[in-house]
Amino acid sequence: ADGRTFIGRVDGGSGHSGKRSNDVHF
């Protein structure tokens, strides 16, 4: 409501050898 924006995505698996969950968290 105060105009702040946040962006994210359902990540299929990024990085080196670690893979975050498919959930989107803000």
PDB file of all heavy atoms in Angstrom:
ATOM      1  N   ALA A   1       0.819  -1.218   0.000  1.00  0.00           N
ATOM      2  CA  ALA A   1       0.000   0.000   0.000  1.00  0.00           C
ATOM      3  C   ALA A   1       0.847   1.258   0.000  1.00  0.00           C
ATOM      4  O   ALA A   1       0.420   2.303  -0.503  1.00  0.00           O
ATOM      5  CB  ALA A   1      -0.934  -0.008   1.211  1.00  0.00           C
ATOM      6  N   ASP A   2       2.068   1.186   0.541  1.00  0.00           N
ATOM      7  CA  ASP A   2       2.936   2.361   0.574  1.00  0.00           C
ATOM      8  C   ASP A   2       3.763   2.524  -0.689  1.00  0.00           C
ATOM      9  O   ASP A   2       4.636   3.388  -0.754  1.00  0.00           O
ATOM     10  CB  ASP A   2       3.846   2.326   1.802  1.00  0.00           C
ATOM     11  CG  ASP A   2       4.748   1.084   1.831  1.00  0.00           C
ATOM     12  OD1 ASP A   2       4.741   0.311   0.846  1.00  0.00           O
ATOM     13  OD2 ASP A   2       5.453   0.897   2.835  1.00  0.00           O
ATOM     14  N   GLY A   3       3.503   1.686  -1.718  1.00  0.00           N
ATOM     15  CA  GLY A   3       4.172   1.826  -3.005  1.00  0.00           C
ATOM     16  C   GLY A   3       5.402   0.982  -3.179  1.00  0.00           C
ATOM     17  O   GLY A   3       5.938   0.903  -4.300  1.00  0.00           O
ATOM     18  N   ARG A   4       5.898   0.330  -2.141  1.00  0.00           N
ATOM     19  CA  ARG A   4       7.063  -0.528  -2.293  1.00  0.00           C
ATOM     20  C   ARG A   4       6.727  -1.722  -3.182  1.00  0.00           C
ATOM     21  O   ARG A   4       5.624  -2.262  -3.111  1.00  0.00           O
ATOM     22  CB  ARG A   4       7.559  -1.029  -0.937  1.00  0.00           C
ATOM     23  CG  ARG A   4       8.202   0.016  -0.048  1.00  0.00           C
ATOM     24  CD  ARG A   4       8.544  -0.572   1.319  1.00  0.00           C
ATOM     25  NE  ARG A   4       7.340  -1.074   1.975  1.00  0.00           N
ATOM     26  CZ  ARG A   4       7.317  -2.173   2.743  1.00  0.00           C
ATOM     27  NH1 ARG A   4       8.416  -2.880   2.927  1.00  0.00           N
ATOM     28  NH2 ARG A   4       6.191  -2.551   3.307  1.00  0.00           N
ATOM     29  N   THR A   5       7.680  -2.115  -4.034  1.00  0.00           N
ATOM     30  CA  THR A   5       7.469  -3.253  -4.918  1.00  0.00           C
ATOM     31  C   THR A   5       8.511  -4.329  -4.635  1.00  0.00           C
ATOM     32  O   THR A   5       9.645  -4.043  -4.249  1.00  0.00           O
ATOM     33  CB  THR A   5       7.548  -2.841  -6.399  1.00  0.00           C
ATOM     34  OG1 THR A   5       8.853  -2.307  -6.674  1.00  0.00           O
ATOM     35  CG2 THR A   5       6.485  -1.812  -6.739  1.00  0.00           C
ATOM     36  N   PHE A   6       8.094  -5.568  -4.856  1.00  0.00           N
ATOM     37  CA  PHE A   6       8.958  -6.733  -4.673  1.00  0.00           C
ATOM     38  C   PHE A   6       8.730  -7.651  -5.872  1.00  0.00           C
ATOM     39  O   PHE A   6       7.593  -7.808  -6.323  1.00  0.00           O
ATOM     40  CB  PHE A   6       8.617  -7.479  -3.384  1.00  0.00           C
ATOM     41  CG  PHE A   6       8.529  -6.607  -2.167  1.00  0.00           C
ATOM     42  CD1 PHE A   6       7.328  -5.981  -1.835  1.00  0.00           C
ATOM     43  CD2 PHE A   6       9.626  -6.404  -1.355  1.00  0.00           C
ATOM     44  CE1 PHE A   6       7.235  -5.179  -0.711  1.00  0.00           C
ATOM     45  CE2 PHE A   6       9.544  -5.605  -0.227  1.00  0.00           C
ATOM     46  CZ  PHE A   6       8.353  -4.984   0.097  1.00  0.00           C
ATOM     47  N   ILE A   7       9.789  -8.263  -6.362  1.00  0.00           N
ATOM     48  CA  ILE A   7       9.648  -9.198  -7.476  1.00  0.00           C
ATOM     49  C   ILE A   7      10.329 -10.519  -7.123  1.00  0.00           C
ATOM     50  O   ILE A   7      11.271 -10.570  -6.335  1.00  0.00           O
ATOM     51  CB  ILE A   7      10.230  -8.643  -8.794  1.00  0.00           C
ATOM     52  CG1 ILE A   7      11.705  -8.259  -8.638  1.00  0.00           C
ATOM     53  CG2 ILE A   7       9.413  -7.459  -9.286  1.00  0.00           C
ATOM     54  CD1 ILE A   7      12.369  -7.845  -9.949  1.00  0.00           C
ATOM     55  N   GLY A   8       9.807 -11.592  -7.699  1.00  0.00           N
ATOM     56  CA  GLY A   8      10.364 -12.916  -7.482  1.00  0.00           C
ATOM     57  C   GLY A   8       9.821 -13.867  -8.520  1.00  0.00           C
ATOM     58  O   GLY A   8       8.967 -13.508  -9.337  1.00  0.00           O
ATOM     59  N   ARG A   9      10.289 -15.113  -8.467  1.00  0.00           N
ATOM     60  CA  ARG A   9       9.845 -16.094  -9.461  1.00  0.00           C
ATOM     61  C   ARG A   9       9.892 -17.487  -8.869  1.00  0.00           C
ATOM     62  O   ARG A   9      10.539 -17.731  -7.842  1.00  0.00           O
ATOM     63  CB  ARG A   9      10.690 -16.028 -10.722  1.00  0.00           C
ATOM     64  CG  ARG A   9      11.971 -16.866 -10.764  1.00  0.00           C
ATOM     65  CD  ARG A   9      13.120 -16.244 -10.052  1.00  0.00           C
ATOM     66  NE  ARG A   9      14.400 -16.883 -10.373  1.00  0.00           N
ATOM     67  CZ  ARG A   9      15.525 -16.688  -9.704  1.00  0.00           C
ATOM     68  NH1 ARG A   9      15.545 -15.897  -8.665  1.00  0.00           N
ATOM     69  NH2 ARG A   9      16.652 -17.296 -10.058  1.00  0.00           N
ATOM     70  N   VAL A  10       9.194 -18.416  -9.523  1.00  0.00           N
ATOM     71  CA  VAL A  10       9.299 -19.830  -9.179  1.00  0.00           C
ATOM     72  C   VAL A  10      10.585 -20.334  -9.822  1.00  0.00           C
ATOM     73  O   VAL A  10      10.665 -20.510 -11.033  1.00  0.00           O
ATOM     74  CB  VAL A  10       8.080 -20.632  -9.664  1.00  0.00           C
ATOM     75  CG1 VAL A  10       8.236 -22.105  -9.282  1.00  0.00           C
ATOM     76  CG2 VAL A  10       6.791 -20.064  -9.099  1.00  0.00           C
ATOM     77  N   ASP A  11      11.586 -20.526  -8.989  1.00  0.00           N
ATOM     78  CA  ASP A  11      12.918 -20.889  -9.461  1.00  0.00           C
ATOM     79  C   ASP A  11      12.983 -22.389  -9.714  1.00  0.00           C
ATOM     80  O   ASP A  11      12.673 -23.186  -8.820  1.00  0.00           O
ATOM     81  CB  ASP A  11      13.938 -20.465  -8.401  1.00  0.00           C
ATOM     82  CG  ASP A  11      15.380 -20.678  -8.830  1.00  0.00           C
ATOM     83  OD1 ASP A  11      15.601 -21.069  -9.989  1.00  0.00           O
ATOM     84  OD2 ASP A  11      16.278 -20.441  -7.999  1.00  0.00           O
ATOM     85  N   GLY A  12      13.414 -22.763 -10.909  1.00  0.00           N
ATOM     86  CA  GLY A  12      13.559 -24.180 -11.235  1.00  0.00           C
ATOM     87  C   GLY A  12      14.840 -24.794 -10.737  1.00  0.00           C
ATOM     88  O   GLY A  12      15.044 -26.002 -10.889  1.00  0.00           O
ATOM     89  N   GLY A  13      15.726 -24.008 -10.142  1.00  0.00           N
ATOM     90  CA  GLY A  13      16.995 -24.533  -9.635  1.00  0.00           C
ATOM     91  C   GLY A  13      18.152 -23.722 -10.159  1.00  0.00           C
ATOM     92  O   GLY A  13      18.523 -23.841 -11.322  1.00  0.00           O
ATOM     93  N   SER A  14      18.723 -22.870  -9.313  1.00  0.00           N
ATOM     94  CA  SER A  14      19.775 -21.963  -9.784  1.00  0.00           C
ATOM     95  C   SER A  14      21.028 -22.112  -8.953  1.00  0.00           C
ATOM     96  O   SER A  14      21.009 -22.694  -7.865  1.00  0.00           O
ATOM     97  CB  SER A  14      19.280 -20.506  -9.694  1.00  0.00           C
ATOM     98  OG  SER A  14      18.995 -20.176  -8.341  1.00  0.00           O
ATOM     99  N   GLY A  15      22.131 -21.592  -9.477  1.00  0.00           N
ATOM    100  CA  GLY A  15      23.351 -21.496  -8.706  1.00  0.00           C
ATOM    101  C   GLY A  15      24.391 -22.526  -9.073  1.00  0.00           C
ATOM    102  O   GLY A  15      24.502 -22.966 -10.220  1.00  0.00           O
ATOM    103  N   HIS A  16      25.181 -22.927  -8.078  1.00  0.00           N
ATOM    104  CA  HIS A  16      26.226 -23.938  -8.267  1.00  0.00           C
ATOM    105  C   HIS A  16      25.634 -25.312  -7.937  1.00  0.00           C
ATOM    106  O   HIS A  16      25.003 -25.926  -8.781  1.00  0.00           O
ATOM    107  CB  HIS A  16      27.444 -23.600  -7.403  1.00  0.00           C
ATOM    108  CG  HIS A  16      28.492 -24.675  -7.373  1.00  0.00           C
ATOM    109  ND1 HIS A  16      29.117 -25.126  -8.522  1.00  0.00           N
ATOM    110  CD2 HIS A  16      29.012 -25.403  -6.349  1.00  0.00           C
ATOM    111  CE1 HIS A  16      29.981 -26.085  -8.198  1.00  0.00           C
ATOM    112  NE2 HIS A  16      29.931 -26.271  -6.886  1.00  0.00           N
ATOM    113  N   SER A  17      25.771 -25.790  -6.722  1.00  0.00           N
ATOM    114  CA  SER A  17      25.258 -27.121  -6.386  1.00  0.00           C
ATOM    115  C   SER A  17      24.156 -27.073  -5.338  1.00  0.00           C
ATOM    116  O   SER A  17      23.812 -28.098  -4.761  1.00  0.00           O
ATOM    117  CB  SER A  17      26.398 -28.014  -5.888  1.00  0.00           C
ATOM    118  OG  SER A  17      26.989 -27.475  -4.716  1.00  0.00           O
ATOM    119  N   GLY A  18      23.597 -25.895  -5.094  1.00  0.00           N
ATOM    120  CA  GLY A  18      22.464 -25.761  -4.189  1.00  0.00           C
ATOM    121  C   GLY A  18      21.223 -25.345  -4.943  1.00  0.00           C
ATOM    122  O   GLY A  18      21.290 -24.503  -5.841  1.00  0.00           O
ATOM    123  N   LYS A  19      20.074 -25.916  -4.599  1.00  0.00           N
ATOM    124  CA  LYS A  19      18.811 -25.613  -5.281  1.00  0.00           C
ATOM    125  C   LYS A  19      17.758 -25.216  -4.248  1.00  0.00           C
ATOM    126  O   LYS A  19      17.399 -26.010  -3.374  1.00  0.00           O
ATOM    127  CB  LYS A  19      18.305 -26.822  -6.077  1.00  0.00           C
ATOM    128  CG  LYS A  19      19.335 -27.415  -7.040  1.00  0.00           C
ATOM    129  CD  LYS A  19      19.739 -26.450  -8.126  1.00  0.00           C
ATOM    130  CE  LYS A  19      20.741 -27.079  -9.091  1.00  0.00           C
ATOM    131  NZ  LYS A  19      21.300 -26.095 -10.043  1.00  0.00           N
ATOM    132  N   ARG A  20      17.264 -23.951  -4.337  1.00  0.00           N
ATOM    133  CA  ARG A  20      16.220 -23.492  -3.415  1.00  0.00           C
ATOM    134  C   ARG A  20      14.902 -24.178  -3.728  1.00  0.00           C
ATOM    135  O   ARG A  20      14.712 -24.767  -4.809  1.00  0.00           O
ATOM    136  CB  ARG A  20      16.064 -21.973  -3.500  1.00  0.00           C
ATOM    137  CG  ARG A  20      15.623 -21.471  -4.862  1.00  0.00           C
ATOM    138  CD  ARG A  20      15.054 -20.061  -4.818  1.00  0.00           C
ATOM    139  NE  ARG A  20      15.913 -19.067  -4.210  1.00  0.00           N
ATOM    140  CZ  ARG A  20      16.837 -18.343  -4.843  1.00  0.00           C
ATOM    141  NH1 ARG A  20      17.037 -18.532  -6.148  1.00  0.00           N
ATOM    142  NH2 ARG A  20      17.553 -17.438  -4.223  1.00  0.00           N
ATOM    143  N   SER A  21      13.963 -24.082  -2.804  1.00  0.00           N
ATOM    144  CA  SER A  21      12.647 -24.667  -3.023  1.00  0.00           C
ATOM    145  C   SER A  21      11.914 -23.888  -4.114  1.00  0.00           C
ATOM    146  O   SER A  21      12.285 -22.766  -4.466  1.00  0.00           O
ATOM    147  CB  SER A  21      11.825 -24.650  -1.727  1.00  0.00           C
ATOM    148  OG  SER A  21      11.271 -23.374  -1.500  1.00  0.00           O
ATOM    149  N   ASN A  22      10.821 -24.477  -4.629  1.00  0.00           N
ATOM    150  CA  ASN A  22      10.021 -23.825  -5.671  1.00  0.00           C
ATOM    151  C   ASN A  22       9.080 -22.770  -5.126  1.00  0.00           C
ATOM    152  O   ASN A  22       8.426 -22.059  -5.890  1.00  0.00           O
ATOM    153  CB  ASN A  22       9.199 -24.861  -6.447  1.00  0.00           C
ATOM    154  CG  ASN A  22      10.052 -25.875  -7.178  1.00  0.00           C
ATOM    155  OD1 ASN A  22       9.869 -27.076  -7.019  1.00  0.00           O
ATOM    156  ND2 ASN A  22      10.989 -25.406  -7.978  1.00  0.00           N
ATOM    157  N   ASP A  23       8.976 -22.655  -3.799  1.00  0.00           N
ATOM    158  CA  ASP A  23       8.109 -21.635  -3.208  1.00  0.00           C
ATOM    159  C   ASP A  23       8.683 -20.248  -3.481  1.00  0.00           C
ATOM    160  O   ASP A  23       9.892 -20.073  -3.633  1.00  0.00           O
ATOM    161  CB  ASP A  23       7.988 -21.839  -1.703  1.00  0.00           C
ATOM    162  CG  ASP A  23       7.368 -23.175  -1.332  1.00  0.00           C
ATOM    163  OD1 ASP A  23       6.601 -23.710  -2.161  1.00  0.00           O
ATOM    164  OD2 ASP A  23       7.662 -23.684  -0.238  1.00  0.00           O
ATOM    165  N   VAL A  24       7.794 -19.248  -3.525  1.00  0.00           N
ATOM    166  CA  VAL A  24       8.202 -17.849  -3.692  1.00  0.00           C
ATOM    167  C   VAL A  24       7.966 -17.140  -2.368  1.00  0.00           C
ATOM    168  O   VAL A  24       6.848 -17.136  -1.849  1.00  0.00           O
ATOM    169  CB  VAL A  24       7.421 -17.158  -4.822  1.00  0.00           C
ATOM    170  CG1 VAL A  24       8.033 -15.792  -5.114  1.00  0.00           C
ATOM    171  CG2 VAL A  24       7.425 -18.014  -6.091  1.00  0.00           C
ATOM    172  N   HIS A  25       9.004 -16.525  -1.837  1.00  0.00           N
ATOM    173  CA  HIS A  25       8.935 -15.909  -0.511  1.00  0.00           C
ATOM    174  C   HIS A  25       9.299 -14.435  -0.603  1.00  0.00           C
ATOM    175  O   HIS A  25      10.288 -14.068  -1.247  1.00  0.00           O
ATOM    176  CB  HIS A  25       9.901 -16.627   0.446  1.00  0.00           C
ATOM    177  CG  HIS A  25      10.040 -15.959   1.782  1.00  0.00           C
ATOM    178  ND1 HIS A  25      10.941 -14.934   2.012  1.00  0.00           N
ATOM    179  CD2 HIS A  25       9.390 -16.168   2.953  1.00  0.00           C
ATOM    180  CE1 HIS A  25      10.841 -14.545   3.269  1.00  0.00           C
ATOM    181  NE2 HIS A  25       9.916 -15.277   3.870  1.00  0.00           N
ATOM    182  N   PHE A  26       8.499 -13.596   0.041  1.00  0.00           N
ATOM    183  CA  PHE A  26       8.781 -12.162   0.117  1.00  0.00           C
ATOM    184  C   PHE A  26       8.729 -11.716   1.569  1.00  0.00           C
ATOM    185  O   PHE A  26       7.730 -11.959   2.265  1.00  0.00           O
ATOM    186  CB  PHE A  26       7.746 -11.341  -0.662  1.00  0.00           C
ATOM    187  CG  PHE A  26       7.659 -11.646  -2.125  1.00  0.00           C
ATOM    188  CD1 PHE A  26       6.713 -12.545  -2.608  1.00  0.00           C
ATOM    189  CD2 PHE A  26       8.521 -11.038  -3.031  1.00  0.00           C
ATOM    190  CE1 PHE A  26       6.621 -12.825  -3.958  1.00  0.00           C
ATOM    191  CE2 PHE A  26       8.433 -11.314  -4.379  1.00  0.00           C
ATOM    192  CZ  PHE A  26       7.491 -12.206  -4.850  1.00  0.00           C
TER     193      PHE A  26
END
